C-alpha atoms as a PDB file:
ATOM      1  CA  MET A   1       1.578 148.925 -47.741  1.00  0.00           C
ATOM      2  CA  THR A   2       1.385 145.292 -46.666  1.00  0.00           C
ATOM      3  CA  GLY A   3       3.633 144.482 -43.724  1.00  0.00           C
ATOM      4  CA  LEU A   4       6.000 141.545 -44.178  1.00  0.00           C
ATOM      5  CA  GLY A   5       7.872 139.446 -41.648  1.00  0.00           C
ATOM      6  CA  ALA A   6       9.177 135.979 -40.929  1.00  0.00           C
ATOM      7  CA  VAL A   7       9.056 133.448 -38.111  1.00  0.00           C
ATOM      8  CA  PHE A   8      11.941 132.242 -35.993  1.00  0.00           C
ATOM      9  CA  ARG A   9      10.586 128.761 -35.360  1.00  0.00           C
ATOM     10  CA  PRO A  10      11.284 127.370 -31.888  1.00  0.00           C
ATOM     11  CA  GLN A  11      12.419 124.090 -33.409  1.00  0.00           C
ATOM     12  CA  LEU A  12      15.702 125.972 -33.778  1.00  0.00           C
ATOM     13  CA  PRO A  13      17.814 126.095 -30.606  1.00  0.00           C
ATOM     14  CA  PRO A  14      17.568 129.406 -28.708  1.00  0.00           C
ATOM     15  CA  GLU A  15      21.230 130.179 -29.294  1.00  0.00           C
ATOM     16  CA  ARG A  16      20.492 130.591 -33.016  1.00  0.00           C
ATOM     17  CA  LEU A  17      18.238 133.592 -32.338  1.00  0.00           C
ATOM     18  CA  SER A  18      21.024 136.152 -31.929  1.00  0.00           C
ATOM     19  CA  ALA A  19      22.473 135.763 -35.418  1.00  0.00           C
ATOM     20  CA  LEU A  20      19.078 135.455 -37.088  1.00  0.00           C
ATOM     21  CA  ALA A  21      17.601 138.501 -35.331  1.00  0.00           C
ATOM     22  CA  ARG A  22      20.619 140.602 -36.300  1.00  0.00           C
ATOM     23  CA  LEU A  23      20.374 139.359 -39.874  1.00  0.00           C
ATOM     24  CA  ALA A  24      16.670 140.226 -40.034  1.00  0.00           C
ATOM     25  CA  ASP A  25      17.453 143.697 -38.705  1.00  0.00           C
ATOM     26  CA  GLU A  26      20.345 144.334 -41.072  1.00  0.00           C
ATOM     27  CA  SER A  27      18.515 142.976 -44.120  1.00  0.00           C
ATOM     28  CA  GLY A  28      15.632 145.397 -43.714  1.00  0.00           C
ATOM     29  CA  LEU A  29      12.965 142.869 -42.764  1.00  0.00           C
ATOM     30  CA  GLU A  30      10.206 144.625 -40.849  1.00  0.00           C
ATOM     31  CA  GLU A  31       9.127 142.001 -38.335  1.00  0.00           C
ATOM     32  CA  LEU A  32      10.460 138.821 -36.753  1.00  0.00           C
ATOM     33  CA  TRP A  33       7.920 136.666 -34.962  1.00  0.00           C
ATOM     34  CA  LEU A  34       8.540 134.191 -32.150  1.00  0.00           C
ATOM     35  CA  TRP A  35       6.355 131.378 -30.854  1.00  0.00           C
ATOM     36  CA  GLU A  36       5.954 130.185 -27.295  1.00  0.00           C
ATOM     37  CA  ASP A  37       5.104 126.592 -28.174  1.00  0.00           C
ATOM     38  CA  CYS A  38       5.204 124.285 -25.177  1.00  0.00           C
ATOM     39  CA  PHE A  39       7.762 123.262 -24.168  1.00  0.00           C
ATOM     40  CA  LEU A  40      10.347 124.724 -26.469  1.00  0.00           C
ATOM     41  CA  GLN A  41      11.281 128.328 -25.648  1.00  0.00           C
ATOM     42  CA  GLY A  42      10.163 131.180 -23.411  1.00  0.00           C
ATOM     43  CA  GLY A  43       8.498 133.926 -25.417  1.00  0.00           C
ATOM     44  CA  VAL A  44       9.204 136.959 -23.220  1.00  0.00           C
ATOM     45  CA  SER A  45      12.874 136.145 -22.664  1.00  0.00           C
ATOM     46  CA  ALA A  46      13.409 135.499 -26.378  1.00  0.00           C
ATOM     47  CA  MET A  47      11.609 138.708 -27.340  1.00  0.00           C
ATOM     48  CA  ALA A  48      13.649 140.796 -24.901  1.00  0.00           C
ATOM     49  CA  ALA A  49      16.903 139.358 -26.226  1.00  0.00           C
ATOM     50  CA  ALA A  50      15.923 139.838 -29.874  1.00  0.00           C
ATOM     51  CA  LEU A  51      14.961 143.455 -29.225  1.00  0.00           C
ATOM     52  CA  ALA A  52      18.226 144.120 -27.400  1.00  0.00           C
ATOM     53  CA  TRP A  53      20.293 142.613 -30.222  1.00  0.00           C
ATOM     54  CA  THR A  54      18.623 144.759 -32.901  1.00  0.00           C
ATOM     55  CA  GLU A  55      18.077 148.418 -33.677  1.00  0.00           C
ATOM     56  CA  ARG A  56      14.894 148.826 -35.725  1.00  0.00           C
ATOM     57  CA  LEU A  57      13.316 145.376 -36.069  1.00  0.00           C
ATOM     58  CA  ARG A  58       9.836 144.881 -34.637  1.00  0.00           C
ATOM     59  CA  VAL A  59       9.534 141.608 -32.738  1.00  0.00           C
ATOM     60  CA  GLY A  60       6.208 139.836 -32.284  1.00  0.00           C
ATOM     61  CA  ILE A  61       5.251 137.054 -29.927  1.00  0.00           C
ATOM     62  CA  GLY A  62       2.487 134.964 -31.344  1.00  0.00           C
ATOM     63  CA  LEU A  63       1.405 134.055 -28.862  1.00  0.00           C
ATOM     64  CA  LEU A  64       1.601 134.003 -25.053  1.00  0.00           C
ATOM     65  CA  PRO A  65      -0.853 131.390 -23.664  1.00  0.00           C
ATOM     66  CA  VAL A  66      -2.867 133.274 -21.055  1.00  0.00           C
ATOM     67  CA  PRO A  67      -3.498 130.317 -18.700  1.00  0.00           C
ATOM     68  CA  LEU A  68       0.230 130.267 -17.928  1.00  0.00           C
ATOM     69  CA  ARG A  69       0.543 133.890 -16.697  1.00  0.00           C
ATOM     70  CA  ASN A  70      -1.201 136.165 -14.270  1.00  0.00           C
ATOM     71  CA  VAL A  71      -2.428 139.146 -16.289  1.00  0.00           C
ATOM     72  CA  ALA A  72      -0.590 141.629 -14.052  1.00  0.00           C
ATOM     73  CA  VAL A  73       2.708 139.885 -14.828  1.00  0.00           C
ATOM     74  CA  THR A  74       2.025 140.028 -18.570  1.00  0.00           C
ATOM     75  CA  ALA A  75       1.182 143.727 -18.267  1.00  0.00           C
ATOM     76  CA  MET A  76       4.432 144.399 -16.390  1.00  0.00           C
ATOM     77  CA  GLU A  77       6.468 142.511 -18.993  1.00  0.00           C
ATOM     78  CA  ALA A  78       4.773 144.259 -21.923  1.00  0.00           C
ATOM     79  CA  ALA A  79       5.102 147.706 -20.376  1.00  0.00           C
ATOM     80  CA  THR A  80       8.766 147.162 -19.537  1.00  0.00           C
ATOM     81  CA  LEU A  81       9.578 146.014 -23.070  1.00  0.00           C
ATOM     82  CA  ASP A  82       7.706 148.917 -24.613  1.00  0.00           C
ATOM     83  CA  ARG A  83       9.455 151.491 -22.438  1.00  0.00           C
ATOM     84  CA  MET A  84      12.870 150.024 -23.253  1.00  0.00           C
ATOM     85  CA  PHE A  85      12.125 149.472 -26.961  1.00  0.00           C
ATOM     86  CA  PRO A  86       9.299 151.893 -27.826  1.00  0.00           C
ATOM     87  CA  GLY A  87       6.936 150.651 -30.500  1.00  0.00           C
ATOM     88  CA  ARG A  88       8.989 147.575 -31.376  1.00  0.00           C
ATOM     89  CA  ALA A  89       7.398 144.828 -29.260  1.00  0.00           C
ATOM     90  CA  ILE A  90       4.207 143.291 -30.695  1.00  0.00           C
ATOM     91  CA  LEU A  91       2.125 141.518 -28.062  1.00  0.00           C
ATOM     92  CA  GLY A  92      -0.041 138.541 -28.950  1.00  0.00           C
ATOM     93  CA  VAL A  93      -2.033 136.446 -26.474  1.00  0.00           C
ATOM     94  CA  GLY A  94      -4.343 133.470 -26.776  1.00  0.00           C
ATOM     95  CA  HIS A  95      -5.977 130.688 -24.829  1.00  0.00           C
ATOM     96  CA  GLY A  96      -3.229 128.267 -25.865  1.00  0.00           C
ATOM     97  CA  VAL A  97      -3.298 124.681 -27.061  1.00  0.00           C
ATOM     98  CA  GLN A  98      -5.614 122.964 -24.618  1.00  0.00           C
ATOM     99  CA  SER A  99      -3.682 119.698 -24.442  1.00  0.00           C
ATOM    100  CA  TRP A 100      -0.553 121.631 -23.465  1.00  0.00           C
ATOM    101  CA  MET A 101      -2.475 123.625 -20.883  1.00  0.00           C
ATOM    102  CA  GLY A 102      -3.741 120.343 -19.457  1.00  0.00           C
ATOM    103  CA  GLN A 103      -0.194 119.023 -19.152  1.00  0.00           C
ATOM    104  CA  VAL A 104       0.746 121.848 -16.802  1.00  0.00           C
ATOM    105  CA  GLY A 105      -2.507 121.865 -14.842  1.00  0.00           C
ATOM    106  CA  ALA A 106      -3.650 125.212 -16.273  1.00  0.00           C
ATOM    107  CA  ARG A 107      -6.477 124.190 -18.581  1.00  0.00           C
ATOM    108  CA  ALA A 108      -9.471 126.499 -18.229  1.00  0.00           C
ATOM    109  CA  GLU A 109     -12.997 125.120 -18.307  1.00  0.00           C
ATOM    110  CA  SER A 110     -14.013 128.081 -20.488  1.00  0.00           C
ATOM    111  CA  PRO A 111     -11.006 129.283 -22.528  1.00  0.00           C
ATOM    112  CA  LEU A 112     -13.006 132.048 -24.206  1.00  0.00           C
ATOM    113  CA  THR A 113     -14.217 133.446 -20.884  1.00  0.00           C
ATOM    114  CA  LEU A 114     -10.630 133.504 -19.663  1.00  0.00           C
ATOM    115  CA  LEU A 115      -9.425 135.224 -22.833  1.00  0.00           C
ATOM    116  CA  ARG A 116     -12.173 137.861 -22.652  1.00  0.00           C
ATOM    117  CA  GLU A 117     -11.453 138.698 -19.007  1.00  0.00           C
ATOM    118  CA  TYR A 118      -7.706 138.639 -19.601  1.00  0.00           C
ATOM    119  CA  VAL A 119      -7.631 140.914 -22.658  1.00  0.00           C
ATOM    120  CA  ASP A 120     -10.012 143.404 -21.059  1.00  0.00           C
ATOM    121  CA  ALA A 121      -7.831 143.639 -17.950  1.00  0.00           C
ATOM    122  CA  LEU A 122      -4.549 143.644 -19.894  1.00  0.00           C
ATOM    123  CA  ARG A 123      -5.577 146.503 -22.174  1.00  0.00           C
ATOM    124  CA  ALA A 124      -6.785 148.535 -19.190  1.00  0.00           C
ATOM    125  CA  LEU A 125      -3.531 147.983 -17.307  1.00  0.00           C
ATOM    126  CA  LEU A 126      -1.496 148.980 -20.349  1.00  0.00           C
ATOM    127  CA  ARG A 127      -3.546 152.177 -20.603  1.00  0.00           C
ATOM    128  CA  GLY A 128      -2.300 153.033 -17.122  1.00  0.00           C
ATOM    129  CA  GLU A 129      -5.607 152.436 -15.388  1.00  0.00           C
ATOM    130  CA  SER A 130      -6.115 151.077 -11.893  1.00  0.00           C
ATOM    131  CA  VAL A 131      -8.021 147.822 -12.341  1.00  0.00           C
ATOM    132  CA  THR A 132     -10.335 146.081  -9.918  1.00  0.00           C
ATOM    133  CA  THR A 133     -12.194 143.077 -11.272  1.00  0.00           C
ATOM    134  CA  ASP A 134     -13.632 139.876  -9.857  1.00  0.00           C
ATOM    135  CA  GLY A 135     -14.209 137.622 -12.838  1.00  0.00           C
ATOM    136  CA  ARG A 136     -14.410 133.899 -13.206  1.00  0.00           C
ATOM    137  CA  TYR A 137     -10.660 133.693 -13.861  1.00  0.00           C
ATOM    138  CA  VAL A 138      -9.162 137.192 -13.614  1.00  0.00           C
ATOM    139  CA  ARG A 139      -9.228 138.849 -10.185  1.00  0.00           C
ATOM    140  CA  LEU A 140      -7.440 142.121  -9.507  1.00  0.00           C
ATOM    141  CA  ASP A 141      -7.776 144.504  -6.570  1.00  0.00           C
ATOM    142  CA  GLY A 142      -6.657 148.046  -7.327  1.00  0.00           C
ATOM    143  CA  VAL A 143      -3.774 146.953  -9.572  1.00  0.00           C
ATOM    144  CA  ALA A 144      -1.997 149.664 -11.573  1.00  0.00           C
ATOM    145  CA  LEU A 145       1.389 149.768 -13.271  1.00  0.00           C
ATOM    146  CA  ASP A 146       3.937 152.160 -11.789  1.00  0.00           C
ATOM    147  CA  TRP A 147       5.622 152.358 -15.198  1.00  0.00           C
ATOM    148  CA  PRO A 148       2.888 152.073 -17.826  1.00  0.00           C
ATOM    149  CA  PRO A 149       3.797 152.384 -21.509  1.00  0.00           C
ATOM    150  CA  GLY A 150       4.396 155.883 -22.802  1.00  0.00           C
ATOM    151  CA  GLU A 151       2.120 155.196 -25.773  1.00  0.00           C
ATOM    152  CA  PRO A 152      -0.775 152.736 -26.196  1.00  0.00           C
ATOM    153  CA  VAL A 153       0.326 149.129 -26.711  1.00  0.00           C
ATOM    154  CA  ARG A 154      -1.805 147.050 -29.042  1.00  0.00           C
ATOM    155  CA  VAL A 155      -2.928 143.677 -27.736  1.00  0.00           C
ATOM    156  CA  LEU A 156      -3.460 141.098 -30.488  1.00  0.00           C
ATOM    157  CA  ALA A 157      -5.365 137.880 -29.907  1.00  0.00           C
ATOM    158  CA  GLY A 158      -4.799 134.552 -31.603  1.00  0.00           C
ATOM    159  CA  ALA A 159      -8.052 133.226 -33.019  1.00  0.00           C
ATOM    160  CA  THR A 160      -9.264 130.435 -35.307  1.00  0.00           C
ATOM    161  CA  GLY A 161     -12.892 129.498 -34.749  1.00  0.00           C
ATOM    162  CA  PRO A 162     -15.941 131.743 -35.221  1.00  0.00           C
ATOM    163  CA  ARG A 163     -16.443 132.453 -31.515  1.00  0.00           C
ATOM    164  CA  SER A 164     -12.810 133.353 -30.895  1.00  0.00           C
ATOM    165  CA  LEU A 165     -12.714 135.544 -34.016  1.00  0.00           C
ATOM    166  CA  ARG A 166     -15.797 137.463 -32.898  1.00  0.00           C
ATOM    167  CA  LEU A 167     -14.287 137.810 -29.433  1.00  0.00           C
ATOM    168  CA  SER A 168     -11.034 139.134 -30.874  1.00  0.00           C
ATOM    169  CA  GLY A 169     -12.938 141.769 -32.812  1.00  0.00           C
ATOM    170  CA  GLU A 170     -14.803 142.729 -29.676  1.00  0.00           C
ATOM    171  CA  VAL A 171     -11.960 142.979 -27.130  1.00  0.00           C
ATOM    172  CA  ALA A 172      -8.574 142.973 -28.911  1.00  0.00           C
ATOM    173  CA  ASP A 173      -6.711 145.483 -31.071  1.00  0.00           C
ATOM    174  CA  GLY A 174      -5.800 142.913 -33.705  1.00  0.00           C
ATOM    175  CA  THR A 175      -5.977 139.236 -34.608  1.00  0.00           C
ATOM    176  CA  ILE A 176      -3.291 136.658 -35.360  1.00  0.00           C
ATOM    177  CA  LEU A 177      -4.284 133.999 -37.897  1.00  0.00           C
ATOM    178  CA  THR A 178      -2.401 130.744 -38.313  1.00  0.00           C
ATOM    179  CA  ALA A 179      -0.858 129.399 -41.509  1.00  0.00           C
ATOM    180  CA  SER A 180      -3.880 127.125 -41.898  1.00  0.00           C
ATOM    181  CA  THR A 181      -5.896 130.169 -42.998  1.00  0.00           C
ATOM    182  CA  THR A 182      -6.545 130.460 -46.740  1.00  0.00           C
ATOM    183  CA  PRO A 183      -7.367 133.792 -48.435  1.00  0.00           C
ATOM    184  CA  GLU A 184     -11.044 132.856 -48.234  1.00  0.00           C
ATOM    185  CA  GLY A 185     -10.481 132.079 -44.559  1.00  0.00           C
ATOM    186  CA  VAL A 186      -9.019 135.551 -44.070  1.00  0.00           C
ATOM    187  CA  ARG A 187     -12.126 137.093 -45.655  1.00  0.00           C
ATOM    188  CA  ARG A 188     -14.364 135.047 -43.388  1.00  0.00           C
ATOM    189  CA  ALA A 189     -12.231 135.974 -40.387  1.00  0.00           C
ATOM    190  CA  ARG A 190     -12.565 139.663 -41.262  1.00  0.00           C
ATOM    191  CA  ASP A 191     -16.357 139.271 -41.409  1.00  0.00           C
ATOM    192  CA  LEU A 192     -16.474 137.573 -38.008  1.00  0.00           C
ATOM    193  CA  ILE A 193     -14.079 140.094 -36.485  1.00  0.00           C
ATOM    194  CA  GLY A 194     -16.321 142.821 -37.882  1.00  0.00           C
ATOM    195  CA  GLU A 195     -19.340 141.276 -36.169  1.00  0.00           C
ATOM    196  CA  GLY A 196     -17.504 141.387 -32.854  1.00  0.00           C
ATOM    197  CA  ARG A 197     -16.414 144.972 -33.400  1.00  0.00           C
ATOM    198  CA  ALA A 198     -19.955 146.025 -34.279  1.00  0.00           C
ATOM    199  CA  SER A 199     -21.358 144.392 -31.140  1.00  0.00           C
ATOM    200  CA  ALA A 200     -18.850 146.344 -29.030  1.00  0.00           C
ATOM    201  CA  GLY A 201     -19.363 149.586 -30.946  1.00  0.00           C
ATOM    202  CA  ARG A 202     -15.693 149.732 -31.885  1.00  0.00           C
ATOM    203  CA  THR A 203     -14.524 151.953 -34.728  1.00  0.00           C
ATOM    204  CA  ASP A 204     -10.768 151.899 -34.148  1.00  0.00           C
ATOM    205  CA  ARG A 205      -8.407 150.094 -36.511  1.00  0.00           C
ATOM    206  CA  HIS A 206      -8.117 146.321 -36.145  1.00  0.00           C
ATOM    207  CA  HIS A 207      -4.828 144.844 -37.389  1.00  0.00           C
ATOM    208  CA  VAL A 208      -4.858 141.333 -38.887  1.00  0.00           C
ATOM    209  CA  VAL A 209      -1.657 139.288 -39.021  1.00  0.00           C
ATOM    210  CA  ALA A 210      -1.718 136.175 -41.223  1.00  0.00           C
ATOM    211  CA  HIS A 211       0.971 133.508 -41.375  1.00  0.00           C
ATOM    212  CA  LEU A 212       1.933 131.964 -44.706  1.00  0.00           C
ATOM    213  CA  LEU A 213       3.686 128.601 -44.817  1.00  0.00           C
ATOM    214  CA  THR A 214       6.548 129.171 -47.250  1.00  0.00           C
ATOM    215  CA  ALA A 215       9.215 127.019 -48.881  1.00  0.00           C
ATOM    216  CA  THR A 216      11.769 127.982 -51.488  1.00  0.00           C
ATOM    217  CA  GLY A 217      14.707 126.256 -53.117  1.00  0.00           C
ATOM    218  CA  PRO A 218      15.098 123.066 -55.185  1.00  0.00           C
ATOM    219  CA  ASP A 219      13.193 120.841 -52.699  1.00  0.00           C
ATOM    220  CA  ALA A 220      10.532 123.407 -51.823  1.00  0.00           C
ATOM    221  CA  VAL A 221       7.525 121.465 -53.104  1.00  0.00           C
ATOM    222  CA  ALA A 222       8.468 118.283 -51.249  1.00  0.00           C
ATOM    223  CA  ARG A 223       9.098 120.119 -47.985  1.00  0.00           C
ATOM    224  CA  LEU A 224       5.816 122.005 -48.231  1.00  0.00           C
ATOM    225  CA  LYS A 225       3.857 118.806 -48.850  1.00  0.00           C
ATOM    226  CA  ALA A 226       5.554 117.115 -45.900  1.00  0.00           C
ATOM    227  CA  GLU A 227       4.729 119.922 -43.462  1.00  0.00           C
ATOM    228  CA  PRO A 228       1.045 119.076 -42.754  1.00  0.00           C
ATOM    229  CA  ALA A 229       1.982 115.484 -41.974  1.00  0.00           C
ATOM    230  CA  ALA A 230       4.688 116.698 -39.622  1.00  0.00           C
ATOM    231  CA  THR A 231       2.334 119.015 -37.755  1.00  0.00           C
ATOM    232  CA  GLY A 232      -0.067 116.193 -36.891  1.00  0.00           C
ATOM    233  CA  PRO A 233      -3.759 115.320 -37.182  1.00  0.00           C
ATOM    234  CA  GLY A 234      -6.117 118.071 -38.215  1.00  0.00           C
ATOM    235  CA  SER A 235      -3.593 119.829 -40.435  1.00  0.00           C
ATOM    236  CA  THR A 236      -4.952 121.265 -43.658  1.00  0.00           C
ATOM    237  CA  PRO A 237      -3.325 120.023 -46.881  1.00  0.00           C
ATOM    238  CA  ASP A 238      -2.553 122.193 -49.913  1.00  0.00           C
ATOM    239  CA  LEU A 239      -1.756 125.257 -47.859  1.00  0.00           C
ATOM    240  CA  GLY A 240       1.139 127.628 -48.271  1.00  0.00           C
ATOM    241  CA  VAL A 241       3.371 128.398 -51.203  1.00  0.00           C
ATOM    242  CA  ALA A 242       6.446 126.765 -52.686  1.00  0.00           C
ATOM    243  CA  GLY A 243       8.515 128.557 -55.274  1.00  0.00           C
ATOM    244  CA  ASP A 244      10.532 131.615 -56.105  1.00  0.00           C
ATOM    245  CA  ALA A 245      10.071 135.191 -54.929  1.00  0.00           C
ATOM    246  CA  SER A 246       7.369 135.915 -57.518  1.00  0.00           C
ATOM    247  CA  ALA A 247       5.263 132.963 -56.384  1.00  0.00           C
ATOM    248  CA  VAL A 248       5.631 133.888 -52.724  1.00  0.00           C
ATOM    249  CA  ALA A 249       4.851 137.564 -53.370  1.00  0.00           C
ATOM    250  CA  GLU A 250       1.696 136.571 -55.248  1.00  0.00           C
ATOM    251  CA  ALA A 251       0.566 134.429 -52.297  1.00  0.00           C
ATOM    252  CA  VAL A 252       1.243 137.354 -49.964  1.00  0.00           C
ATOM    253  CA  ARG A 253      -0.817 139.641 -52.204  1.00  0.00           C
ATOM    254  CA  ARG A 254      -3.759 137.223 -52.147  1.00  0.00           C
ATOM    255  CA  LEU A 255      -3.786 137.250 -48.340  1.00  0.00           C
ATOM    256  CA  ALA A 256      -3.472 141.029 -48.276  1.00  0.00           C
ATOM    257  CA  GLU A 257      -6.333 141.462 -50.744  1.00  0.00           C
ATOM    258  CA  ALA A 258      -8.428 139.195 -48.513  1.00  0.00           C
ATOM    259  CA  GLY A 259      -7.842 141.454 -45.509  1.00  0.00           C
ATOM    260  CA  ALA A 260      -4.447 140.722 -43.960  1.00  0.00           C
ATOM    261  CA  ASP A 261      -2.530 143.842 -42.934  1.00  0.00           C
ATOM    262  CA  THR A 262       0.701 141.933 -42.273  1.00  0.00           C
ATOM    263  CA  VAL A 263       1.830 138.592 -43.683  1.00  0.00           C
ATOM    264  CA  ILE A 264       4.432 136.557 -41.816  1.00  0.00           C
ATOM    265  CA  LEU A 265       6.365 134.020 -43.859  1.00  0.00           C
ATOM    266  CA  GLN A 266       6.547 130.779 -41.915  1.00  0.00           C
ATOM    267  CA  PRO A 267       9.372 128.444 -42.988  1.00  0.00           C
ATOM    268  CA  THR A 268       8.838 124.708 -42.848  1.00  0.00           C
ATOM    269  CA  GLY A 269      10.054 122.937 -39.740  1.00  0.00           C
ATOM    270  CA  ASP A 270      12.871 121.362 -41.742  1.00  0.00           C
ATOM    271  CA  GLU A 271      14.029 124.586 -43.446  1.00  0.00           C
ATOM    272  CA  PRO A 272      17.700 123.802 -44.214  1.00  0.00           C
ATOM    273  CA  ASP A 273      18.918 127.417 -44.388  1.00  0.00           C
ATOM    274  CA  PRO A 274      17.178 129.799 -41.945  1.00  0.00           C
ATOM    275  CA  GLU A 275      19.619 132.605 -42.758  1.00  0.00           C
ATOM    276  CA  GLY A 276      18.979 132.173 -46.464  1.00  0.00           C
ATOM    277  CA  PHE A 277      15.232 132.200 -45.809  1.00  0.00           C
ATOM    278  CA  LEU A 278      15.468 135.607 -44.107  1.00  0.00           C
ATOM    279  CA  ARG A 279      17.591 137.008 -46.930  1.00  0.00           C
ATOM    280  CA  PHE A 280      15.056 135.661 -49.429  1.00  0.00           C
ATOM    281  CA  ALA A 281      12.160 137.276 -47.561  1.00  0.00           C
ATOM    282  CA  ALA A 282      13.819 140.664 -47.182  1.00  0.00           C
ATOM    283  CA  GLY A 283      15.823 140.909 -50.375  1.00  0.00           C
ATOM    284  CA  GLU A 284      13.652 139.115 -52.929  1.00  0.00           C
ATOM    285  CA  VAL A 285      10.036 138.974 -51.709  1.00  0.00           C
ATOM    286  CA  ARG A 286       9.743 142.368 -50.032  1.00  0.00           C
ATOM    287  CA  PRO A 287      10.469 144.395 -53.198  1.00  0.00           C
ATOM    288  CA  LEU A 288       7.634 142.568 -54.974  1.00  0.00           C
ATOM    289  CA  VAL A 289       4.997 143.211 -52.291  1.00  0.00           C
ATOM    290  CA  PRO A 290       3.249 146.585 -52.547  1.00  0.00           C
END
């Protein structure tokens, strides 16, 4: 069964999260995803609040930029959330938008080296291991969590280019793909992830999460067309889906057939009715997605 979720976009003020998280939970939506875009909202604080306000909803953070956090701190946060809300927190990390990292003085000369060292150390810490490492960016001396997760916590990595996709397959437990990824892009991503997994000799399951830019309602087509312009240079036109539940479900199916395990519906930045969007996703799209 294809997983389905939706994004709480950080263009909404943080105080809107409570009502929307509760609505997602009550409506039966499986996952609500949060972004830690600079400099809008804190991902860990928002995730903790959303989990506390809900009963069954899984909450993903896609993603935490690793240059901003010591890996031991991220491990402590992830372990704490998992122990308080077992199996409901979905952890995603990535090297972050480099211009934003430069603004805060955290830009790494080799983002992929940082991500490799970080994910390796993070997964080991979350397995309850004592970690000593002296890498280019990640340095730990006998660090171990006093309260590791009771069960393994998957670490997903955000990836777009070929090198980062191969790296995600090699070191991470899953990959987060942006809404600029077409079905053909998902297939190509799966191939590259597979190359990384083969090089590392991995045979465990690798979970792929794909975002789908989605608009519904009478002005859906216009809002969808306006979204690439709003997101700036380098955006890919003709992405996403505008239409009713059948059209959206068909777009979800295409991504799933291409290799996505979970599809996250991403509303446009100017979505006029976030509550209605969640009801649409849970009540109308979900029943049409096998």
